[in-house]
Amino acid sequence: QLQLVESGGGLVQAGGSLRLSCAASGSIFRFNAMGWYRQAPGKERELVAAIAGGGSTSYVDSVKGRFTISRDNAKNTLYLQMNSLKPEDTAVYYCNAYEYGLNYWGKGTLVTVSS
């Protein structure tokens, strides 16, 4: 059973940056699909950014040009670099790995952006 642990969240002012990390308990090399989701209070969880095993990436429109997803298979770690943060980015951010119909989730890390 793969375990995912997020870190790097915190309180930041609007316009600031944070880098989230997601450490996996095992190899992530086999996971073609990994991503970052977020859930704001009173809202549904949404996919923010995704990365395939070959390195192709996709982003929700609201973060394009500001967020960058990356993965280091050697370190079994997924990253999310977040720049030019806005108050509407405030949410709990979750790491996800998907394989053969199974979703693996971390417990999340809280990002709070103050105006």
N, C-alpha and C. Protein backbone atom coordinates (compact mmCIF):
# COMPACT_ATOMS: atom_id res chain seq x y z
N GLN A 1 0.84 -1.19 0.00
CA GLN A 1 0.00 0.00 0.00
C GLN A 1 0.88 1.25 0.00
N LEU A 2 0.75 2.03 -1.04
CA LEU A 2 1.55 3.25 -1.14
C LEU A 2 1.02 4.29 -0.16
N GLN A 3 1.93 4.92 0.57
CA GLN A 3 1.55 6.04 1.43
C GLN A 3 2.16 7.32 0.90
N LEU A 4 1.36 8.38 0.95
CA LEU A 4 1.79 9.68 0.46
C LEU A 4 1.71 10.70 1.59
N VAL A 5 2.76 11.50 1.74
CA VAL A 5 2.81 12.49 2.80
C VAL A 5 3.16 13.84 2.21
N GLU A 6 2.22 14.78 2.32
CA GLU A 6 2.44 16.13 1.82
C GLU A 6 3.11 17.01 2.86
N SER A 7 3.84 18.00 2.38
CA SER A 7 4.45 19.00 3.26
C SER A 7 4.65 20.28 2.48
N GLY A 8 4.95 21.36 3.19
CA GLY A 8 5.25 22.62 2.55
C GLY A 8 4.16 23.66 2.59
N GLY A 9 3.00 23.29 3.11
CA GLY A 9 1.93 24.27 3.21
C GLY A 9 2.21 25.28 4.31
N GLY A 10 1.36 26.30 4.36
CA GLY A 10 1.52 27.32 5.39
C GLY A 10 0.76 28.57 5.04
N LEU A 11 1.08 29.63 5.77
CA LEU A 11 0.45 30.93 5.57
C LEU A 11 1.39 31.82 4.77
N VAL A 12 0.86 32.42 3.71
CA VAL A 12 1.66 33.28 2.86
C VAL A 12 0.80 34.46 2.41
N GLN A 13 1.44 35.59 2.17
CA GLN A 13 0.71 36.75 1.66
C GLN A 13 0.46 36.62 0.17
N ALA A 14 -0.56 37.28 -0.28
CA ALA A 14 -0.87 37.29 -1.72
C ALA A 14 0.36 37.76 -2.49
N GLY A 15 0.63 37.07 -3.59
CA GLY A 15 1.81 37.37 -4.38
C GLY A 15 3.02 36.54 -4.02
N GLY A 16 2.94 35.84 -2.91
CA GLY A 16 4.05 35.02 -2.46
C GLY A 16 4.10 33.66 -3.12
N SER A 17 5.04 32.85 -2.67
CA SER A 17 5.27 31.53 -3.25
C SER A 17 5.37 30.47 -2.17
N LEU A 18 5.01 29.26 -2.55
CA LEU A 18 5.20 28.09 -1.71
C LEU A 18 5.56 26.92 -2.61
N ARG A 19 6.29 25.97 -2.05
CA ARG A 19 6.59 24.73 -2.77
C ARG A 19 6.09 23.56 -1.95
N LEU A 20 5.15 22.84 -2.50
CA LEU A 20 4.63 21.66 -1.84
C LEU A 20 5.41 20.43 -2.29
N SER A 21 5.60 19.51 -1.35
CA SER A 21 6.24 18.24 -1.66
C SER A 21 5.33 17.10 -1.24
N CYS A 22 5.44 16.01 -1.94
CA CYS A 22 4.67 14.80 -1.61
C CYS A 22 5.64 13.62 -1.66
N ALA A 23 5.97 13.11 -0.49
CA ALA A 23 6.89 11.99 -0.39
C ALA A 23 6.13 10.67 -0.38
N ALA A 24 6.55 9.77 -1.25
CA ALA A 24 5.89 8.47 -1.34
C ALA A 24 6.69 7.41 -0.59
N SER A 25 5.98 6.42 -0.03
CA SER A 25 6.64 5.37 0.74
C SER A 25 7.30 4.33 -0.15
N GLY A 26 6.98 4.36 -1.44
CA GLY A 26 7.56 3.42 -2.37
C GLY A 26 7.82 4.08 -3.70
N SER A 27 8.20 3.28 -4.65
CA SER A 27 8.54 3.81 -5.96
C SER A 27 7.33 4.42 -6.65
N ILE A 28 7.53 5.61 -7.21
CA ILE A 28 6.45 6.25 -7.98
C ILE A 28 6.68 6.07 -9.47
N PHE A 29 7.75 5.38 -9.82
CA PHE A 29 8.10 5.23 -11.23
C PHE A 29 6.96 4.60 -12.03
N ARG A 30 6.26 3.65 -11.37
CA ARG A 30 5.23 2.90 -12.09
C ARG A 30 3.93 3.69 -12.27
N PHE A 31 3.80 4.81 -11.56
CA PHE A 31 2.55 5.57 -11.63
C PHE A 31 2.61 6.54 -12.80
N ASN A 32 1.84 6.24 -13.82
CA ASN A 32 1.80 7.13 -14.97
C ASN A 32 1.08 8.42 -14.65
N ALA A 33 0.10 8.35 -13.75
CA ALA A 33 -0.70 9.53 -13.44
C ALA A 33 -0.53 9.91 -11.98
N MET A 34 -0.02 11.11 -11.78
CA MET A 34 0.06 11.68 -10.44
C MET A 34 -0.42 13.12 -10.52
N GLY A 35 -0.93 13.61 -9.40
CA GLY A 35 -1.43 14.97 -9.45
C GLY A 35 -1.62 15.60 -8.09
N TRP A 36 -1.93 16.87 -8.14
CA TRP A 36 -2.28 17.65 -6.95
C TRP A 36 -3.73 18.10 -7.08
N TYR A 37 -4.48 17.86 -6.02
CA TYR A 37 -5.85 18.32 -5.91
C TYR A 37 -5.92 19.34 -4.77
N ARG A 38 -6.99 20.10 -4.75
CA ARG A 38 -7.22 20.99 -3.62
C ARG A 38 -8.71 21.05 -3.30
N GLN A 39 -8.97 21.34 -2.03
CA GLN A 39 -10.35 21.48 -1.60
C GLN A 39 -10.46 22.68 -0.68
N ALA A 40 -11.20 23.68 -1.13
CA ALA A 40 -11.44 24.87 -0.34
C ALA A 40 -12.68 24.65 0.52
N PRO A 41 -12.81 25.40 1.60
CA PRO A 41 -13.98 25.24 2.48
C PRO A 41 -15.28 25.40 1.71
N GLY A 42 -16.17 24.44 1.88
CA GLY A 42 -17.47 24.50 1.23
C GLY A 42 -17.48 24.17 -0.25
N LYS A 43 -16.33 23.75 -0.77
CA LYS A 43 -16.25 23.44 -2.20
C LYS A 43 -15.81 21.99 -2.40
N GLU A 44 -16.04 21.51 -3.62
CA GLU A 44 -15.63 20.16 -3.96
C GLU A 44 -14.13 20.12 -4.26
N ARG A 45 -13.56 18.94 -4.10
CA ARG A 45 -12.15 18.77 -4.43
C ARG A 45 -11.97 18.90 -5.94
N GLU A 46 -10.93 19.63 -6.34
CA GLU A 46 -10.67 19.82 -7.76
C GLU A 46 -9.23 19.47 -8.10
N LEU A 47 -9.05 18.98 -9.32
CA LEU A 47 -7.71 18.68 -9.81
C LEU A 47 -7.04 19.98 -10.21
N VAL A 48 -5.88 20.24 -9.64
CA VAL A 48 -5.14 21.47 -9.90
C VAL A 48 -4.10 21.25 -11.00
N ALA A 49 -3.34 20.16 -10.87
CA ALA A 49 -2.26 19.88 -11.81
C ALA A 49 -2.01 18.39 -11.85
N ALA A 50 -1.63 17.91 -13.03
CA ALA A 50 -1.35 16.49 -13.21
C ALA A 50 -0.08 16.32 -14.03
N ILE A 51 0.59 15.19 -13.81
CA ILE A 51 1.80 14.90 -14.55
C ILE A 51 1.83 13.41 -14.87
N ALA A 52 2.18 13.11 -16.11
CA ALA A 52 2.27 11.73 -16.55
C ALA A 52 3.70 11.22 -16.36
N GLY A 53 3.85 9.91 -16.52
CA GLY A 53 5.17 9.33 -16.34
C GLY A 53 6.20 9.88 -17.31
N GLY A 54 5.74 10.25 -18.51
CA GLY A 54 6.65 10.80 -19.50
C GLY A 54 6.97 12.26 -19.29
N GLY A 55 6.28 12.87 -18.33
CA GLY A 55 6.56 14.26 -17.99
C GLY A 55 5.57 15.27 -18.52
N SER A 56 4.61 14.84 -19.31
CA SER A 56 3.62 15.81 -19.79
C SER A 56 2.76 16.28 -18.63
N THR A 57 2.37 17.54 -18.68
CA THR A 57 1.65 18.16 -17.57
C THR A 57 0.36 18.82 -18.05
N SER A 58 -0.55 19.00 -17.12
CA SER A 58 -1.77 19.73 -17.40
C SER A 58 -2.19 20.48 -16.15
N TYR A 59 -2.91 21.58 -16.34
CA TYR A 59 -3.29 22.45 -15.23
C TYR A 59 -4.72 22.95 -15.40
N VAL A 60 -5.35 23.19 -14.27
CA VAL A 60 -6.64 23.88 -14.33
C VAL A 60 -6.38 25.31 -14.75
N ASP A 61 -7.30 25.91 -15.46
CA ASP A 61 -7.08 27.24 -16.04
C ASP A 61 -6.68 28.27 -14.99
N SER A 62 -7.24 28.18 -13.81
CA SER A 62 -7.02 29.21 -12.80
C SER A 62 -5.58 29.27 -12.28
N VAL A 63 -4.77 28.24 -12.53
CA VAL A 63 -3.40 28.24 -12.03
C VAL A 63 -2.36 28.24 -13.15
N LYS A 64 -2.80 28.19 -14.38
CA LYS A 64 -1.86 28.16 -15.50
C LYS A 64 -0.96 29.39 -15.47
N GLY A 65 0.33 29.15 -15.66
CA GLY A 65 1.29 30.24 -15.64
C GLY A 65 1.78 30.60 -14.25
N ARG A 66 1.14 30.05 -13.22
CA ARG A 66 1.55 30.36 -11.84
C ARG A 66 2.07 29.12 -11.11
N PHE A 67 1.49 27.97 -11.38
CA PHE A 67 1.88 26.73 -10.71
C PHE A 67 2.66 25.83 -11.66
N THR A 68 3.60 25.06 -11.10
CA THR A 68 4.35 24.10 -11.88
C THR A 68 4.44 22.78 -11.12
N ILE A 69 3.99 21.71 -11.76
CA ILE A 69 4.06 20.38 -11.17
C ILE A 69 5.30 19.67 -11.73
N SER A 70 5.96 18.91 -10.86
CA SER A 70 7.12 18.14 -11.30
C SER A 70 7.23 16.89 -10.44
N ARG A 71 8.03 15.95 -10.91
CA ARG A 71 8.22 14.72 -10.16
C ARG A 71 9.67 14.30 -10.26
N ASP A 72 10.17 13.73 -9.17
CA ASP A 72 11.52 13.18 -9.12
C ASP A 72 11.38 11.70 -8.79
N ASN A 73 11.41 10.87 -9.81
CA ASN A 73 11.21 9.44 -9.58
C ASN A 73 12.32 8.83 -8.72
N ALA A 74 13.51 9.37 -8.81
CA ALA A 74 14.63 8.85 -8.01
C ALA A 74 14.41 9.09 -6.52
N LYS A 75 13.75 10.21 -6.21
CA LYS A 75 13.48 10.54 -4.81
C LYS A 75 12.07 10.16 -4.39
N ASN A 76 11.30 9.58 -5.31
CA ASN A 76 9.92 9.20 -5.02
C ASN A 76 9.11 10.38 -4.47
N THR A 77 9.26 11.51 -5.12
CA THR A 77 8.64 12.74 -4.62
C THR A 77 7.97 13.52 -5.75
N LEU A 78 6.81 14.03 -5.44
CA LEU A 78 6.05 14.90 -6.34
C LEU A 78 6.09 16.31 -5.77
N TYR A 79 6.17 17.31 -6.66
CA TYR A 79 6.26 18.69 -6.21
C TYR A 79 5.19 19.55 -6.87
N LEU A 80 4.87 20.65 -6.18
CA LEU A 80 4.03 21.69 -6.78
C LEU A 80 4.61 23.04 -6.39
N GLN A 81 5.20 23.72 -7.36
CA GLN A 81 5.71 25.08 -7.13
C GLN A 81 4.57 26.04 -7.40
N MET A 82 4.25 26.86 -6.41
CA MET A 82 3.13 27.79 -6.52
C MET A 82 3.64 29.21 -6.39
N ASN A 83 3.50 29.99 -7.43
CA ASN A 83 3.94 31.38 -7.44
C ASN A 83 2.73 32.31 -7.61
N SER A 84 2.95 33.57 -7.31
CA SER A 84 1.89 34.59 -7.46
C SER A 84 0.59 34.12 -6.82
N LEU A 85 0.70 33.65 -5.61
CA LEU A 85 -0.47 33.08 -4.93
C LEU A 85 -1.54 34.13 -4.69
N LYS A 86 -2.78 33.68 -4.77
CA LYS A 86 -3.94 34.53 -4.58
C LYS A 86 -4.78 34.00 -3.41
N PRO A 87 -5.57 34.86 -2.79
CA PRO A 87 -6.43 34.37 -1.69
C PRO A 87 -7.32 33.20 -2.12
N GLU A 88 -7.74 33.20 -3.35
CA GLU A 88 -8.60 32.09 -3.82
C GLU A 88 -7.86 30.77 -3.99
N ASP A 89 -6.55 30.78 -3.80
CA ASP A 89 -5.78 29.53 -3.80
C ASP A 89 -5.82 28.85 -2.43
N THR A 90 -6.40 29.51 -1.45
CA THR A 90 -6.49 28.95 -0.10
C THR A 90 -7.29 27.65 -0.13
N ALA A 91 -6.68 26.58 0.38
CA ALA A 91 -7.32 25.27 0.35
C ALA A 91 -6.40 24.26 1.02
N VAL A 92 -6.94 23.07 1.23
CA VAL A 92 -6.10 21.94 1.59
C VAL A 92 -5.68 21.27 0.28
N TYR A 93 -4.40 21.06 0.13
CA TYR A 93 -3.84 20.48 -1.09
C TYR A 93 -3.48 19.01 -0.84
N TYR A 94 -3.94 18.16 -1.75
CA TYR A 94 -3.75 16.73 -1.62
C TYR A 94 -2.93 16.17 -2.79
N CYS A 95 -2.06 15.25 -2.47
CA CYS A 95 -1.29 14.53 -3.46
C CYS A 95 -2.06 13.27 -3.85
N ASN A 96 -1.99 12.91 -5.11
CA ASN A 96 -2.72 11.74 -5.60
C ASN A 96 -1.85 10.94 -6.57
N ALA A 97 -1.97 9.62 -6.45
CA ALA A 97 -1.36 8.71 -7.42
C ALA A 97 -2.45 7.74 -7.87
N TYR A 98 -2.49 7.47 -9.17
CA TYR A 98 -3.55 6.62 -9.72
C TYR A 98 -2.93 5.48 -10.51
N GLU A 99 -3.47 4.27 -10.25
CA GLU A 99 -2.97 3.10 -10.96
C GLU A 99 -4.04 2.03 -10.98
N TYR A 100 -4.36 1.55 -12.16
CA TYR A 100 -5.27 0.42 -12.34
C TYR A 100 -6.55 0.55 -11.51
N GLY A 101 -7.15 1.71 -11.57
CA GLY A 101 -8.41 1.92 -10.88
C GLY A 101 -8.29 2.23 -9.40
N LEU A 102 -7.09 2.29 -8.90
CA LEU A 102 -6.87 2.59 -7.49
C LEU A 102 -6.32 4.00 -7.33
N ASN A 103 -6.92 4.74 -6.42
CA ASN A 103 -6.44 6.08 -6.08
C ASN A 103 -5.76 6.05 -4.72
N TYR A 104 -4.58 6.63 -4.66
CA TYR A 104 -3.86 6.77 -3.40
C TYR A 104 -3.82 8.26 -3.05
N TRP A 105 -4.13 8.56 -1.79
CA TRP A 105 -4.21 9.95 -1.35
C TRP A 105 -3.34 10.19 -0.12
N GLY A 106 -2.79 11.40 -0.05
CA GLY A 106 -2.19 11.83 1.19
C GLY A 106 -3.24 12.47 2.07
N LYS A 107 -2.83 12.92 3.26
CA LYS A 107 -3.78 13.52 4.20
C LYS A 107 -3.95 15.02 3.96
N GLY A 108 -3.11 15.58 3.13
CA GLY A 108 -3.26 16.98 2.76
C GLY A 108 -2.39 17.93 3.55
N THR A 109 -2.15 19.09 2.95
CA THR A 109 -1.42 20.17 3.61
C THR A 109 -2.16 21.47 3.35
N LEU A 110 -2.33 22.27 4.38
CA LEU A 110 -3.14 23.48 4.28
C LEU A 110 -2.32 24.65 3.75
N VAL A 111 -2.85 25.30 2.74
CA VAL A 111 -2.27 26.53 2.20
C VAL A 111 -3.26 27.66 2.45
N THR A 112 -2.78 28.69 3.11
CA THR A 112 -3.62 29.86 3.39
C THR A 112 -2.95 31.09 2.81
N VAL A 113 -3.66 31.79 1.95
CA VAL A 113 -3.12 32.98 1.31
C VAL A 113 -3.90 34.19 1.81
N SER A 114 -3.20 35.09 2.46
CA SER A 114 -3.85 36.28 3.02
C SER A 114 -3.78 37.43 2.03
N SER A 115 -4.80 38.27 2.07
CA SER A 115 -4.86 39.40 1.13
C SER A 115 -4.17 40.62 1.70
